[in-house]
Amino acid sequence: MAQYETVRRANAGVGVDATQIDAGLRAHMNKVYGLMSVAMFITGIVAYFVGSDVARAFNGQETQILSYGVINAMFNTPLKWVIMFAPLAFVFGLSAMINRMSMGTAQIVFWAFAAVMGLSISWIFVVFTGMSIAQIFFATTIMFASISLWGYTTQKDLSGWGSFLFMGLIGIIGVSILNIWMQSDGLAFAVNIIGVLVFAGLTAYDTQNIKNTYLVHAQHGDTEWLGKSAIMGALSLYLNFINMFMMLLQLLGSRE
């Protein structure tokens, strides 16, 4: 919050009305959360329908969306690795190329990423009960909203958290990939516990960073840049939410 007031006064000092900054910031944050919400909806729809269809196939029932051949390819061929790591490729691609894209193209890529993520996590509807998924999703929503609100309103400067959280994230990714082959339940449990804490910290850090980044650039009036910034902000918060949800589900979810 102190950093917010510093930037706010600096912008006011160059002729930018403080009231306009506040209104613009609210609109920007509403856009970030709106983009994130739409992405979550797309992910949920794709995951639910694909996952439910796969569950029917595994239970010997007639599928309604995918053929048995497609389901077999998704889970029993190298295609499963493509589905698993495709979201990561989307994230790196969008982050690296967004400056060369139009805002409309970047938004379409974001929606496509959300759909691919839904396909990647559709297996949860085979492994976990529907009630358990709903309960953990609701709990994650409350947790995420509380932490993000704190990150937005706190007077504490969270910029120093960045390098520490980034190292934790890299460690989680590396150990998770290693555990695909090790299949250690203890290691998976530890990764999920630490992961929830890391992504909770990233939620607060990213929320404050989105706000401060907007304030730094608000005086320039670059609507194209601000639109792309909102998409990248929504992407970062979306990833935090999805990862917290998946880790809490594996820690607390009831299995079929």
Protein backbone atom coordinates (compact mmCIF):
# COMPACT_ATOMS: atom_id res chain seq x y z
CA MET A 1 0.00 0.00 0.00
CA ALA A 2 2.89 2.35 0.74
CA GLN A 3 4.33 1.66 -2.70
CA TYR A 4 0.86 2.29 -4.18
CA GLU A 5 0.68 5.73 -2.51
CA THR A 6 4.21 6.57 -3.69
CA VAL A 7 3.42 5.78 -7.33
CA ARG A 8 0.01 7.44 -7.00
CA ARG A 9 1.58 10.71 -5.80
CA ALA A 10 4.28 10.50 -8.47
CA ASN A 11 1.66 10.15 -11.21
CA ALA A 12 -0.34 13.00 -9.73
CA GLY A 13 2.83 15.06 -9.84
CA VAL A 14 3.03 14.69 -13.62
CA GLY A 15 -0.52 15.85 -14.15
CA VAL A 16 -2.45 12.58 -13.77
CA ASP A 17 -5.54 13.05 -11.61
CA ALA A 18 -5.52 10.72 -8.57
CA THR A 19 -9.24 10.03 -8.93
CA GLN A 20 -8.70 8.92 -12.52
CA ILE A 21 -5.88 6.63 -11.38
CA ASP A 22 -8.11 5.02 -8.75
CA ALA A 23 -10.96 4.49 -11.22
CA GLY A 24 -8.58 3.17 -13.86
CA LEU A 25 -6.98 0.77 -11.40
CA ARG A 26 -10.37 -0.61 -10.36
CA ALA A 27 -11.34 -1.09 -14.00
CA HIS A 28 -8.01 -2.77 -14.73
CA MET A 29 -8.29 -5.18 -11.79
CA ASN A 30 -11.92 -5.95 -12.71
CA LYS A 31 -10.73 -6.81 -16.22
CA VAL A 32 -7.97 -9.07 -14.84
CA TYR A 33 -10.40 -10.96 -12.61
CA GLY A 34 -12.98 -11.08 -15.40
CA LEU A 35 -10.52 -12.63 -17.86
CA MET A 36 -9.43 -15.10 -15.21
CA SER A 37 -13.05 -16.04 -14.46
CA VAL A 38 -13.84 -16.70 -18.12
CA ALA A 39 -10.70 -18.83 -18.42
CA MET A 40 -11.73 -20.80 -15.33
CA PHE A 41 -15.19 -21.36 -16.83
CA ILE A 42 -13.71 -22.65 -20.10
CA THR A 43 -11.34 -24.95 -18.21
CA GLY A 44 -14.15 -26.27 -16.02
CA ILE A 45 -16.49 -26.99 -18.94
CA VAL A 46 -13.84 -28.82 -20.96
CA ALA A 47 -12.57 -30.78 -17.94
CA TYR A 48 -16.07 -31.79 -16.85
CA PHE A 49 -17.37 -33.01 -20.20
CA VAL A 50 -14.16 -34.74 -21.29
CA GLY A 51 -13.54 -36.20 -17.83
CA SER A 52 -17.12 -37.45 -17.48
CA ASP A 53 -16.89 -39.09 -20.89
CA VAL A 54 -13.63 -40.80 -19.97
CA ALA A 55 -15.16 -42.00 -16.69
CA ARG A 56 -18.08 -43.55 -18.59
CA ALA A 57 -15.65 -45.36 -20.89
CA PHE A 58 -13.67 -46.72 -17.95
CA ASN A 59 -16.91 -47.96 -16.38
CA GLY A 60 -17.92 -49.75 -19.58
CA GLN A 61 -20.67 -47.26 -20.44
CA GLU A 62 -21.31 -45.61 -23.79
CA THR A 63 -19.32 -42.40 -24.32
CA GLN A 64 -21.15 -39.28 -25.48
CA ILE A 65 -18.33 -37.00 -26.67
CA LEU A 66 -15.16 -38.93 -27.41
CA SER A 67 -14.74 -42.29 -29.12
CA TYR A 68 -13.08 -45.18 -27.32
CA GLY A 69 -10.15 -44.84 -29.69
CA VAL A 70 -9.58 -41.21 -28.73
CA ILE A 71 -9.83 -42.03 -25.03
CA ASN A 72 -7.35 -44.89 -25.42
CA ALA A 73 -4.94 -42.58 -27.26
CA MET A 74 -5.24 -39.94 -24.53
CA PHE A 75 -4.27 -42.32 -21.74
CA ASN A 76 -2.31 -45.18 -23.30
CA THR A 77 -0.13 -43.62 -25.98
CA PRO A 78 2.59 -40.93 -26.05
CA LEU A 79 -0.23 -38.44 -26.72
CA LYS A 80 -0.80 -38.35 -22.96
CA TRP A 81 2.56 -36.58 -22.54
CA VAL A 82 1.58 -34.00 -25.16
CA ILE A 83 -1.68 -33.33 -23.29
CA MET A 84 0.17 -33.15 -19.97
CA PHE A 85 2.82 -30.65 -21.05
CA ALA A 86 0.84 -28.66 -23.67
CA PRO A 87 -0.34 -26.07 -21.09
CA LEU A 88 3.28 -25.38 -20.12
CA ALA A 89 4.14 -24.80 -23.78
CA PHE A 90 1.19 -22.38 -24.08
CA VAL A 91 2.38 -20.41 -21.04
CA PHE A 92 5.93 -20.03 -22.33
CA GLY A 93 4.71 -19.25 -25.84
CA LEU A 94 2.22 -16.60 -24.74
CA SER A 95 4.73 -14.99 -22.36
CA ALA A 96 7.43 -14.85 -25.04
CA MET A 97 5.29 -13.69 -27.96
CA ILE A 98 2.56 -11.51 -26.45
CA ASN A 99 4.38 -8.28 -27.38
CA ARG A 100 4.20 -9.31 -31.05
CA MET A 101 0.49 -10.24 -30.89
CA SER A 102 -2.50 -7.99 -31.14
CA MET A 103 -4.61 -7.81 -27.99
CA GLY A 104 -7.37 -9.83 -29.71
CA THR A 105 -4.95 -12.59 -30.72
CA ALA A 106 -3.45 -12.73 -27.21
CA GLN A 107 -6.93 -13.13 -25.73
CA ILE A 108 -7.80 -15.96 -28.14
CA VAL A 109 -4.54 -17.73 -27.25
CA PHE A 110 -5.45 -17.33 -23.57
CA TRP A 111 -8.86 -18.94 -24.16
CA ALA A 112 -7.21 -21.75 -26.14
CA PHE A 113 -4.77 -22.28 -23.28
CA ALA A 114 -7.68 -22.50 -20.82
CA ALA A 115 -9.34 -25.17 -22.99
CA VAL A 116 -6.11 -27.19 -23.23
CA MET A 117 -5.69 -26.92 -19.47
CA GLY A 118 -9.21 -28.32 -19.08
CA LEU A 119 -8.25 -31.28 -21.24
CA SER A 120 -5.04 -31.76 -19.25
CA ILE A 121 -6.81 -31.94 -15.86
CA SER A 122 -9.93 -33.82 -17.04
CA TRP A 123 -8.59 -36.99 -15.37
CA ILE A 124 -9.68 -35.65 -11.97
CA PHE A 125 -13.28 -36.62 -12.82
CA VAL A 126 -12.11 -40.22 -13.17
CA VAL A 127 -10.09 -40.31 -9.94
CA PHE A 128 -12.05 -38.09 -7.54
CA THR A 129 -15.73 -37.88 -6.64
CA GLY A 130 -17.76 -35.03 -8.09
CA MET A 131 -18.74 -33.81 -4.61
CA SER A 132 -15.11 -33.77 -3.52
CA ILE A 133 -14.09 -31.76 -6.58
CA ALA A 134 -16.87 -29.23 -5.93
CA GLN A 135 -15.98 -28.88 -2.26
CA ILE A 136 -12.26 -28.39 -2.90
CA PHE A 137 -13.02 -25.90 -5.69
CA PHE A 138 -15.22 -23.87 -3.33
CA ALA A 139 -12.57 -23.96 -0.59
CA THR A 140 -9.87 -22.91 -3.07
CA THR A 141 -12.03 -20.03 -4.28
CA ILE A 142 -12.42 -18.68 -0.73
CA MET A 143 -8.70 -19.14 -0.03
CA PHE A 144 -7.64 -17.51 -3.31
CA ALA A 145 -10.01 -14.55 -2.94
CA SER A 146 -8.84 -13.88 0.63
CA ILE A 147 -5.15 -14.01 -0.25
CA SER A 148 -5.57 -11.92 -3.41
CA LEU A 149 -7.54 -9.29 -1.48
CA TRP A 150 -4.77 -9.17 1.11
CA GLY A 151 -2.16 -8.77 -1.64
CA TYR A 152 -4.16 -5.88 -3.09
CA THR A 153 -4.73 -4.01 0.17
CA THR A 154 -1.66 -4.75 2.29
CA GLN A 155 0.77 -1.94 3.09
CA LYS A 156 3.64 -4.45 3.11
CA ASP A 157 5.90 -4.37 0.07
CA LEU A 158 5.90 -7.93 -1.32
CA SER A 159 8.44 -7.35 -4.10
CA GLY A 160 11.12 -9.10 -2.03
CA TRP A 161 9.12 -12.33 -2.15
CA GLY A 162 9.61 -12.73 -5.89
CA SER A 163 12.98 -14.49 -6.08
CA PHE A 164 12.21 -16.76 -3.12
CA LEU A 165 8.84 -17.82 -4.55
CA PHE A 166 10.32 -18.30 -8.03
CA MET A 167 12.98 -20.65 -6.64
CA GLY A 168 10.27 -22.56 -4.79
CA LEU A 169 8.25 -22.83 -8.00
CA ILE A 170 11.21 -24.17 -9.99
CA GLY A 171 11.88 -26.71 -7.25
CA ILE A 172 8.25 -27.88 -7.24
CA ILE A 173 8.22 -28.30 -11.02
CA GLY A 174 11.51 -30.22 -11.00
CA VAL A 175 10.54 -32.56 -8.17
CA SER A 176 7.06 -33.13 -9.65
CA ILE A 177 8.54 -34.16 -12.99
CA LEU A 178 11.02 -36.44 -11.20
CA ASN A 179 8.21 -38.01 -9.20
CA ILE A 180 6.39 -39.03 -12.39
CA TRP A 181 8.95 -41.84 -12.58
CA MET A 182 9.66 -42.30 -8.87
CA GLN A 183 5.97 -42.55 -7.88
CA SER A 184 6.74 -41.71 -4.24
CA ASP A 185 3.60 -40.98 -2.20
CA GLY A 186 5.63 -39.27 0.53
CA LEU A 187 7.38 -37.01 -1.95
CA ALA A 188 4.06 -36.17 -3.64
CA PHE A 189 2.55 -35.27 -0.27
CA ALA A 190 5.46 -32.95 0.57
CA VAL A 191 5.32 -31.30 -2.86
CA ASN A 192 1.59 -30.64 -2.49
CA ILE A 193 1.98 -29.12 0.99
CA ILE A 194 4.85 -26.87 -0.07
CA GLY A 195 3.11 -26.11 -3.37
CA VAL A 196 -0.02 -24.78 -1.69
CA LEU A 197 2.14 -22.40 0.37
CA VAL A 198 4.18 -21.28 -2.65
CA PHE A 199 1.13 -20.60 -4.83
CA ALA A 200 -0.62 -18.82 -1.97
CA GLY A 201 2.43 -16.54 -1.71
CA LEU A 202 2.48 -16.07 -5.49
CA THR A 203 -1.20 -15.08 -5.44
CA ALA A 204 -0.49 -12.21 -3.02
CA TYR A 205 2.73 -11.25 -4.82
CA ASP A 206 1.19 -11.30 -8.30
CA THR A 207 -1.87 -9.33 -7.20
CA GLN A 208 0.27 -6.55 -5.77
CA ASN A 209 2.56 -6.66 -8.81
CA ILE A 210 -0.41 -6.33 -11.20
CA LYS A 211 -1.60 -3.28 -9.29
CA ASN A 212 1.82 -1.61 -9.13
CA THR A 213 2.60 -2.35 -12.78
CA TYR A 214 -0.64 -0.65 -13.78
CA LEU A 215 0.15 2.40 -11.67
CA VAL A 216 3.61 2.77 -13.20
CA HIS A 217 2.22 2.76 -16.73
CA ALA A 218 -1.14 4.47 -16.16
CA GLN A 219 0.25 7.91 -17.02
CA HIS A 220 1.18 6.79 -20.54
CA GLY A 221 -2.37 5.89 -21.56
CA ASP A 222 -1.23 2.94 -23.70
CA THR A 223 -4.51 0.99 -23.93
CA GLU A 224 -2.98 -1.78 -26.07
CA TRP A 225 -0.24 -2.40 -23.52
CA LEU A 226 -2.67 -2.22 -20.60
CA GLY A 227 -4.95 -4.74 -22.33
CA LYS A 228 -2.08 -7.19 -22.79
CA SER A 229 -0.96 -6.55 -19.22
CA ALA A 230 -4.44 -7.52 -18.02
CA ILE A 231 -4.22 -10.78 -19.96
CA MET A 232 -0.83 -11.63 -18.48
CA GLY A 233 -2.06 -10.70 -15.02
CA ALA A 234 -5.10 -12.93 -15.46
CA LEU A 235 -2.83 -15.74 -16.66
CA SER A 236 -0.60 -15.53 -13.58
CA LEU A 237 -3.55 -15.51 -11.15
CA TYR A 238 -5.28 -18.29 -13.10
CA LEU A 239 -2.19 -20.50 -12.84
CA ASN A 240 -1.95 -19.83 -9.11
CA PHE A 241 -5.59 -20.81 -8.62
CA ILE A 242 -5.39 -23.96 -10.74
CA ASN A 243 -2.25 -25.17 -9.00
CA MET A 244 -3.63 -24.50 -5.52
CA PHE A 245 -6.84 -26.32 -6.47
CA MET A 246 -5.03 -29.35 -7.88
CA MET A 247 -2.69 -29.64 -4.90
CA LEU A 248 -5.50 -29.27 -2.35
CA LEU A 249 -7.53 -31.84 -4.29
CA GLN A 250 -4.70 -34.36 -4.13
CA LEU A 251 -4.23 -33.66 -0.41
CA LEU A 252 -7.88 -33.63 0.67
CA GLY A 253 -9.96 -35.06 -2.18
CA SER A 254 -12.06 -38.23 -1.85
CA ARG A 255 -11.21 -40.79 -4.48
CA GLU A 256 -13.66 -42.90 -6.47
